[in-house]
């Protein structure tokens, strides 16, 4: 998945580096149940929430992706 020009790997067992040089890892990937699923390409697709945790500060950030895995927004949680 891509967030602007940064490739976000969904593997929770690897440490990644943000564009700002901060280390983080993926904490969880969940379906956004606040949005109804849509039928696309022979199956139901959902909005997806990817939650990352920064190693240095312990803070979390949430990325939202749409039905086509297109980045929508990010927000601290």
PDB file of N, CA and C in Angstrom:
ATOM      1  N   UNK A   1       0.846  -1.159   0.000  1.00  0.00           N
ATOM      2  CA  UNK A   1       0.000   0.000   0.000  1.00  0.00           C
ATOM      3  C   UNK A   1       0.899   1.232   0.000  1.00  0.00           C
ATOM      4  N   UNK A   2       0.424   2.274  -0.614  1.00  0.00           N
ATOM      5  CA  UNK A   2       1.211   3.504  -0.721  1.00  0.00           C
ATOM      6  C   UNK A   2       0.542   4.654   0.023  1.00  0.00           C
ATOM      7  N   UNK A   3       1.370   5.402   0.745  1.00  0.00           N
ATOM      8  CA  UNK A   3       0.954   6.645   1.384  1.00  0.00           C
ATOM      9  C   UNK A   3       1.828   7.713   0.737  1.00  0.00           C
ATOM     10  N   UNK A   4       1.225   8.464  -0.160  1.00  0.00           N
ATOM     11  CA  UNK A   4       1.966   9.411  -0.987  1.00  0.00           C
ATOM     12  C   UNK A   4       3.072   8.651  -1.732  1.00  0.00           C
ATOM     13  N   UNK A   5       4.331   8.970  -1.524  1.00  0.00           N
ATOM     14  CA  UNK A   5       5.423   8.270  -2.208  1.00  0.00           C
ATOM     15  C   UNK A   5       6.057   7.178  -1.355  1.00  0.00           C
ATOM     16  N   UNK A   6       5.526   6.936  -0.168  1.00  0.00           N
ATOM     17  CA  UNK A   6       6.088   5.955   0.758  1.00  0.00           C
ATOM     18  C   UNK A   6       5.342   4.630   0.638  1.00  0.00           C
ATOM     19  N   UNK A   7       6.091   3.547   0.450  1.00  0.00           N
ATOM     20  CA  UNK A   7       5.474   2.220   0.383  1.00  0.00           C
ATOM     21  C   UNK A   7       5.340   1.664   1.797  1.00  0.00           C
ATOM     22  N   UNK A   8       4.121   1.340   2.170  1.00  0.00           N
ATOM     23  CA  UNK A   8       3.794   0.831   3.492  1.00  0.00           C
ATOM     24  C   UNK A   8       3.647  -0.681   3.392  1.00  0.00           C
ATOM     25  N   UNK A   9       4.544  -1.416   4.037  1.00  0.00           N
ATOM     26  CA  UNK A   9       4.469  -2.881   4.037  1.00  0.00           C
ATOM     27  C   UNK A   9       3.620  -3.313   5.224  1.00  0.00           C
ATOM     28  N   UNK A  10       2.740  -4.262   5.020  1.00  0.00           N
ATOM     29  CA  UNK A  10       1.802  -4.667   6.070  1.00  0.00           C
ATOM     30  C   UNK A  10       2.341  -5.764   6.977  1.00  0.00           C
ATOM     31  N   UNK A  11       3.614  -6.093   6.877  1.00  0.00           N
ATOM     32  CA  UNK A  11       4.235  -7.131   7.694  1.00  0.00           C
ATOM     33  C   UNK A  11       4.515  -6.584   9.101  1.00  0.00           C
ATOM     34  N   UNK A  12       3.853  -7.141  10.133  1.00  0.00           N
ATOM     35  CA  UNK A  12       4.041  -6.615  11.493  1.00  0.00           C
ATOM     36  C   UNK A  12       5.375  -7.025  12.120  1.00  0.00           C
ATOM     37  N   UNK A  13       6.129  -7.902  11.468  1.00  0.00           N
ATOM     38  CA  UNK A  13       7.365  -8.415  12.045  1.00  0.00           C
ATOM     39  C   UNK A  13       8.615  -7.681  11.569  1.00  0.00           C
ATOM     40  N   UNK A  14       8.436  -6.647  10.739  1.00  0.00           N
ATOM     41  CA  UNK A  14       9.596  -5.886  10.286  1.00  0.00           C
ATOM     42  C   UNK A  14       9.482  -4.438  10.755  1.00  0.00           C
ATOM     43  N   UNK A  15      10.631  -3.840  11.004  1.00  0.00           N
ATOM     44  CA  UNK A  15      10.681  -2.426  11.345  1.00  0.00           C
ATOM     45  C   UNK A  15      10.872  -1.647  10.056  1.00  0.00           C
ATOM     46  N   UNK A  16      10.100  -0.580   9.901  1.00  0.00           N
ATOM     47  CA  UNK A  16      10.160   0.244   8.705  1.00  0.00           C
ATOM     48  C   UNK A  16      10.613   1.650   9.089  1.00  0.00           C
ATOM     49  N   UNK A  17      11.033   2.403   8.092  1.00  0.00           N
ATOM     50  CA  UNK A  17      11.492   3.776   8.316  1.00  0.00           C
ATOM     51  C   UNK A  17      10.526   4.718   7.609  1.00  0.00           C
ATOM     52  N   UNK A  18      10.007   5.700   8.346  1.00  0.00           N
ATOM     53  CA  UNK A  18       9.091   6.691   7.773  1.00  0.00           C
ATOM     54  C   UNK A  18       9.876   7.673   6.904  1.00  0.00           C
ATOM     55  N   UNK A  19       9.172   8.455   6.071  1.00  0.00           N
ATOM     56  CA  UNK A  19       9.860   9.483   5.286  1.00  0.00           C
ATOM     57  C   UNK A  19      10.613  10.496   6.164  1.00  0.00           C
ATOM     58  N   UNK A  20      10.222  10.630   7.436  1.00  0.00           N
ATOM     59  CA  UNK A  20      10.891  11.536   8.382  1.00  0.00           C
ATOM     60  C   UNK A  20      12.067  10.879   9.092  1.00  0.00           C
ATOM     61  N   UNK A  21      12.347   9.598   8.762  1.00  0.00           N
ATOM     62  CA  UNK A  21      13.463   8.891   9.377  1.00  0.00           C
ATOM     63  C   UNK A  21      13.137   8.213  10.694  1.00  0.00           C
ATOM     64  N   UNK A  22      11.870   8.140  11.070  1.00  0.00           N
ATOM     65  CA  UNK A  22      11.453   7.498  12.324  1.00  0.00           C
ATOM     66  C   UNK A  22      11.145   6.022  12.083  1.00  0.00           C
ATOM     67  N   UNK A  23      11.553   5.167  13.024  1.00  0.00           N
ATOM     68  CA  UNK A  23      11.262   3.739  12.925  1.00  0.00           C
ATOM     69  C   UNK A  23       9.846   3.461  13.410  1.00  0.00           C
ATOM     70  N   UNK A  24       9.155   2.577  12.701  1.00  0.00           N
ATOM     71  CA  UNK A  24       7.802   2.186  13.089  1.00  0.00           C
ATOM     72  C   UNK A  24       7.554   0.749  12.660  1.00  0.00           C
ATOM     73  N   UNK A  25       6.498   0.169  13.193  1.00  0.00           N
ATOM     74  CA  UNK A  25       6.047  -1.144  12.741  1.00  0.00           C
ATOM     75  C   UNK A  25       4.527  -1.138  12.689  1.00  0.00           C
ATOM     76  N   UNK A  26       3.972  -2.046  11.919  1.00  0.00           N
ATOM     77  CA  UNK A  26       2.520  -2.162  11.786  1.00  0.00           C
ATOM     78  C   UNK A  26       1.987  -2.889  13.012  1.00  0.00           C
ATOM     79  N   UNK A  27       1.048  -2.260  13.684  1.00  0.00           N
ATOM     80  CA  UNK A  27       0.448  -2.832  14.874  1.00  0.00           C
ATOM     81  C   UNK A  27      -0.764  -3.690  14.526  1.00  0.00           C
ATOM     82  N   UNK A  28      -1.602  -3.184  13.601  1.00  0.00           N
ATOM     83  CA  UNK A  28      -2.781  -3.951  13.197  1.00  0.00           C
ATOM     84  C   UNK A  28      -3.340  -3.440  11.873  1.00  0.00           C
ATOM     85  N   UNK A  29      -4.081  -4.317  11.231  1.00  0.00           N
ATOM     86  CA  UNK A  29      -4.809  -3.996  10.005  1.00  0.00           C
ATOM     87  C   UNK A  29      -6.235  -4.485  10.228  1.00  0.00           C
ATOM     88  N   UNK A  30      -7.203  -3.573  10.116  1.00  0.00           N
ATOM     89  CA  UNK A  30      -8.588  -3.924  10.402  1.00  0.00           C
ATOM     90  C   UNK A  30      -9.520  -3.380   9.324  1.00  0.00           C
ATOM     91  N   UNK A  31     -10.677  -3.989   9.231  1.00  0.00           N
ATOM     92  CA  UNK A  31     -11.721  -3.518   8.323  1.00  0.00           C
ATOM     93  C   UNK A  31     -12.461  -2.370   9.000  1.00  0.00           C
ATOM     94  N   UNK A  32     -12.722  -1.311   8.256  1.00  0.00           N
ATOM     95  CA  UNK A  32     -13.481  -0.171   8.770  1.00  0.00           C
ATOM     96  C   UNK A  32     -14.968  -0.499   8.671  1.00  0.00           C
ATOM     97  N   UNK A  33     -15.550  -0.897   9.786  1.00  0.00           N
ATOM     98  CA  UNK A  33     -16.958  -1.318   9.787  1.00  0.00           C
ATOM     99  C   UNK A  33     -17.929  -0.147   9.755  1.00  0.00           C
ATOM    100  N   UNK A  34     -17.430   1.079   9.827  1.00  0.00           N
ATOM    101  CA  UNK A  34     -18.315   2.245   9.739  1.00  0.00           C
ATOM    102  C   UNK A  34     -18.736   2.523   8.295  1.00  0.00           C
ATOM    103  N   UNK A  35     -18.069   1.873   7.344  1.00  0.00           N
ATOM    104  CA  UNK A  35     -18.401   2.017   5.919  1.00  0.00           C
ATOM    105  C   UNK A  35     -18.959   0.689   5.410  1.00  0.00           C
ATOM    106  N   UNK A  36     -20.011   0.770   4.611  1.00  0.00           N
ATOM    107  CA  UNK A  36     -20.604  -0.443   4.046  1.00  0.00           C
ATOM    108  C   UNK A  36     -19.677  -1.035   2.989  1.00  0.00           C
ATOM    109  N   UNK A  37     -19.595  -2.371   2.897  1.00  0.00           N
ATOM    110  CA  UNK A  37     -18.774  -2.978   1.846  1.00  0.00           C
ATOM    111  C   UNK A  37     -19.408  -2.747   0.473  1.00  0.00           C
ATOM    112  N   UNK A  38     -18.580  -2.789  -0.552  1.00  0.00           N
ATOM    113  CA  UNK A  38     -19.066  -2.660  -1.930  1.00  0.00           C
ATOM    114  C   UNK A  38     -18.620  -3.868  -2.732  1.00  0.00           C
ATOM    115  N   UNK A  39     -19.464  -4.286  -3.673  1.00  0.00           N
ATOM    116  CA  UNK A  39     -19.155  -5.403  -4.544  1.00  0.00           C
ATOM    117  C   UNK A  39     -18.255  -4.901  -5.672  1.00  0.00           C
ATOM    118  N   UNK A  40     -17.043  -5.444  -5.765  1.00  0.00           N
ATOM    119  CA  UNK A  40     -16.095  -5.040  -6.802  1.00  0.00           C
ATOM    120  C   UNK A  40     -15.283  -6.244  -7.250  1.00  0.00           C
ATOM    121  N   UNK A  41     -15.170  -6.407  -8.542  1.00  0.00           N
ATOM    122  CA  UNK A  41     -14.344  -7.476  -9.125  1.00  0.00           C
ATOM    123  C   UNK A  41     -14.671  -8.859  -8.555  1.00  0.00           C
ATOM    124  N   UNK A  42     -15.937  -9.156  -8.414  1.00  0.00           N
ATOM    125  CA  UNK A  42     -16.356 -10.485  -7.986  1.00  0.00           C
ATOM    126  C   UNK A  42     -16.306 -10.737  -6.494  1.00  0.00           C
ATOM    127  N   UNK A  43     -16.170  -9.717  -5.677  1.00  0.00           N
ATOM    128  CA  UNK A  43     -16.142  -9.904  -4.234  1.00  0.00           C
ATOM    129  C   UNK A  43     -16.399  -8.604  -3.504  1.00  0.00           C
ATOM    130  N   UNK A  44     -16.677  -8.721  -2.219  1.00  0.00           N
ATOM    131  CA  UNK A  44     -16.912  -7.537  -1.412  1.00  0.00           C
ATOM    132  C   UNK A  44     -15.571  -6.917  -1.013  1.00  0.00           C
ATOM    133  N   UNK A  45     -15.500  -5.603  -1.090  1.00  0.00           N
ATOM    134  CA  UNK A  45     -14.317  -4.852  -0.679  1.00  0.00           C
ATOM    135  C   UNK A  45     -14.714  -3.912   0.453  1.00  0.00           C
ATOM    136  N   UNK A  46     -13.788  -3.668   1.359  1.00  0.00           N
ATOM    137  CA  UNK A  46     -14.029  -2.823   2.523  1.00  0.00           C
ATOM    138  C   UNK A  46     -13.003  -1.703   2.580  1.00  0.00           C
ATOM    139  N   UNK A  47     -13.338  -0.647   3.311  1.00  0.00           N
ATOM    140  CA  UNK A  47     -12.326   0.335   3.679  1.00  0.00           C
ATOM    141  C   UNK A  47     -11.442  -0.339   4.730  1.00  0.00           C
ATOM    142  N   UNK A  48     -10.187   0.036   4.756  1.00  0.00           N
ATOM    143  CA  UNK A  48      -9.213  -0.624   5.616  1.00  0.00           C
ATOM    144  C   UNK A  48      -8.506   0.405   6.485  1.00  0.00           C
ATOM    145  N   UNK A  49      -8.253   0.051   7.737  1.00  0.00           N
ATOM    146  CA  UNK A  49      -7.498   0.900   8.655  1.00  0.00           C
ATOM    147  C   UNK A  49      -6.195   0.184   8.992  1.00  0.00           C
ATOM    148  N   UNK A  50      -5.080   0.861   8.790  1.00  0.00           N
ATOM    149  CA  UNK A  50      -3.765   0.319   9.113  1.00  0.00           C
ATOM    150  C   UNK A  50      -3.208   1.157  10.258  1.00  0.00           C
ATOM    151  N   UNK A  51      -2.876   0.500  11.361  1.00  0.00           N
ATOM    152  CA  UNK A  51      -2.388   1.205  12.544  1.00  0.00           C
ATOM    153  C   UNK A  51      -0.902   0.891  12.725  1.00  0.00           C
ATOM    154  N   UNK A  52      -0.105   1.950  12.805  1.00  0.00           N
ATOM    155  CA  UNK A  52       1.343   1.815  12.973  1.00  0.00           C
ATOM    156  C   UNK A  52       1.746   2.416  14.312  1.00  0.00           C
ATOM    157  N   UNK A  53       2.836   1.871  14.884  1.00  0.00           N
ATOM    158  CA  UNK A  53       3.353   2.386  16.161  1.00  0.00           C
ATOM    159  C   UNK A  53       4.802   2.799  15.974  1.00  0.00           C
ATOM    160  N   UNK A  54       5.109   4.014  16.401  1.00  0.00           N
ATOM    161  CA  UNK A  54       6.478   4.501  16.319  1.00  0.00           C
ATOM    162  C   UNK A  54       7.276   3.947  17.490  1.00  0.00           C
ATOM    163  N   UNK A  55       8.444   3.389  17.192  1.00  0.00           N
ATOM    164  CA  UNK A  55       9.247   2.738  18.224  1.00  0.00           C
ATOM    165  C   UNK A  55       9.790   3.715  19.259  1.00  0.00           C
ATOM    166  N   UNK A  56      10.239   4.870  18.826  1.00  0.00           N
ATOM    167  CA  UNK A  56      10.881   5.829  19.730  1.00  0.00           C
ATOM    168  C   UNK A  56       9.909   6.420  20.747  1.00  0.00           C
ATOM    169  N   UNK A  57       8.713   6.811  20.286  1.00  0.00           N
ATOM    170  CA  UNK A  57       7.761   7.503  21.155  1.00  0.00           C
ATOM    171  C   UNK A  57       6.641   6.609  21.679  1.00  0.00           C
ATOM    172  N   UNK A  58       6.381   5.492  20.997  1.00  0.00           N
ATOM    173  CA  UNK A  58       5.274   4.623  21.390  1.00  0.00           C
ATOM    174  C   UNK A  58       3.921   5.128  20.928  1.00  0.00           C
ATOM    175  N   UNK A  59       3.893   6.213  20.159  1.00  0.00           N
ATOM    176  CA  UNK A  59       2.626   6.771  19.670  1.00  0.00           C
ATOM    177  C   UNK A  59       2.132   5.990  18.462  1.00  0.00           C
ATOM    178  N   UNK A  60       0.814   6.008  18.289  1.00  0.00           N
ATOM    179  CA  UNK A  60       0.168   5.311  17.186  1.00  0.00           C
ATOM    180  C   UNK A  60      -0.330   6.298  16.140  1.00  0.00           C
ATOM    181  N   UNK A  61      -0.369   5.842  14.892  1.00  0.00           N
ATOM    182  CA  UNK A  61      -0.957   6.619  13.806  1.00  0.00           C
ATOM    183  C   UNK A  61      -1.811   5.669  12.981  1.00  0.00           C
ATOM    184  N   UNK A  62      -2.932   6.175  12.512  1.00  0.00           N
ATOM    185  CA  UNK A  62      -3.877   5.349  11.743  1.00  0.00           C
ATOM    186  C   UNK A  62      -3.965   5.865  10.313  1.00  0.00           C
ATOM    187  N   UNK A  63      -3.808   4.949   9.359  1.00  0.00           N
ATOM    188  CA  UNK A  63      -3.950   5.258   7.941  1.00  0.00           C
ATOM    189  C   UNK A  63      -5.261   4.654   7.460  1.00  0.00           C
ATOM    190  N   UNK A  64      -6.022   5.398   6.673  1.00  0.00           N
ATOM    191  CA  UNK A  64      -7.282   4.917   6.118  1.00  0.00           C
ATOM    192  C   UNK A  64      -7.122   4.739   4.619  1.00  0.00           C
ATOM    193  N   UNK A  65      -7.563   3.569   4.124  1.00  0.00           N
ATOM    194  CA  UNK A  65      -7.525   3.247   2.702  1.00  0.00           C
ATOM    195  C   UNK A  65      -8.938   2.908   2.229  1.00  0.00           C
ATOM    196  N   UNK A  66      -9.237   3.222   0.969  1.00  0.00           N
ATOM    197  CA  UNK A  66     -10.580   2.969   0.448  1.00  0.00           C
ATOM    198  C   UNK A  66     -10.692   1.568  -0.156  1.00  0.00           C
ATOM    199  N   UNK A  67     -11.785   1.335  -0.868  1.00  0.00           N
ATOM    200  CA  UNK A  67     -12.079   0.029  -1.463  1.00  0.00           C
ATOM    201  C   UNK A  67     -11.010  -0.430  -2.448  1.00  0.00           C
ATOM    202  N   UNK A  68     -10.310   0.523  -3.073  1.00  0.00           N
ATOM    203  CA  UNK A  68      -9.281   0.198  -4.066  1.00  0.00           C
ATOM    204  C   UNK A  68      -7.877   0.290  -3.484  1.00  0.00           C
ATOM    205  N   UNK A  69      -7.757   0.266  -2.166  1.00  0.00           N
ATOM    206  CA  UNK A  69      -6.478   0.396  -1.468  1.00  0.00           C
ATOM    207  C   UNK A  69      -5.793   1.727  -1.747  1.00  0.00           C
ATOM    208  N   UNK A  70      -6.583   2.764  -2.011  1.00  0.00           N
ATOM    209  CA  UNK A  70      -6.068   4.106  -2.222  1.00  0.00           C
ATOM    210  C   UNK A  70      -6.060   4.835  -0.879  1.00  0.00           C
ATOM    211  N   UNK A  71      -4.927   5.452  -0.572  1.00  0.00           N
ATOM    212  CA  UNK A  71      -4.762   6.197   0.679  1.00  0.00           C
ATOM    213  C   UNK A  71      -5.733   7.359   0.742  1.00  0.00           C
ATOM    214  N   UNK A  72      -6.425   7.491   1.880  1.00  0.00           N
ATOM    215  CA  UNK A  72      -7.383   8.585   2.082  1.00  0.00           C
ATOM    216  C   UNK A  72      -6.838   9.611   3.070  1.00  0.00           C
ATOM    217  N   UNK A  73      -6.466   9.133   4.277  1.00  0.00           N
ATOM    218  CA  UNK A  73      -6.002  10.062   5.299  1.00  0.00           C
ATOM    219  C   UNK A  73      -5.174   9.345   6.356  1.00  0.00           C
ATOM    220  N   UNK A  74      -4.480  10.136   7.175  1.00  0.00           N
ATOM    221  CA  UNK A  74      -3.790   9.610   8.349  1.00  0.00           C
ATOM    222  C   UNK A  74      -4.120  10.499   9.530  1.00  0.00           C
ATOM    223  N   UNK A  75      -4.148   9.892  10.701  1.00  0.00           N
ATOM    224  CA  UNK A  75      -4.469  10.647  11.903  1.00  0.00           C
ATOM    225  C   UNK A  75      -3.858   9.967  13.120  1.00  0.00           C
ATOM    226  N   UNK A  76      -3.399  10.742  14.075  1.00  0.00           N
ATOM    227  CA  UNK A  76      -2.884  10.140  15.321  1.00  0.00           C
ATOM    228  C   UNK A  76      -4.032   9.567  16.135  1.00  0.00           C
ATOM    229  N   UNK A  77      -3.755   8.485  16.844  1.00  0.00           N
ATOM    230  CA  UNK A  77      -4.784   7.904  17.710  1.00  0.00           C
ATOM    231  C   UNK A  77      -4.195   7.642  19.080  1.00  0.00           C
TER     232      UNK A  77
END
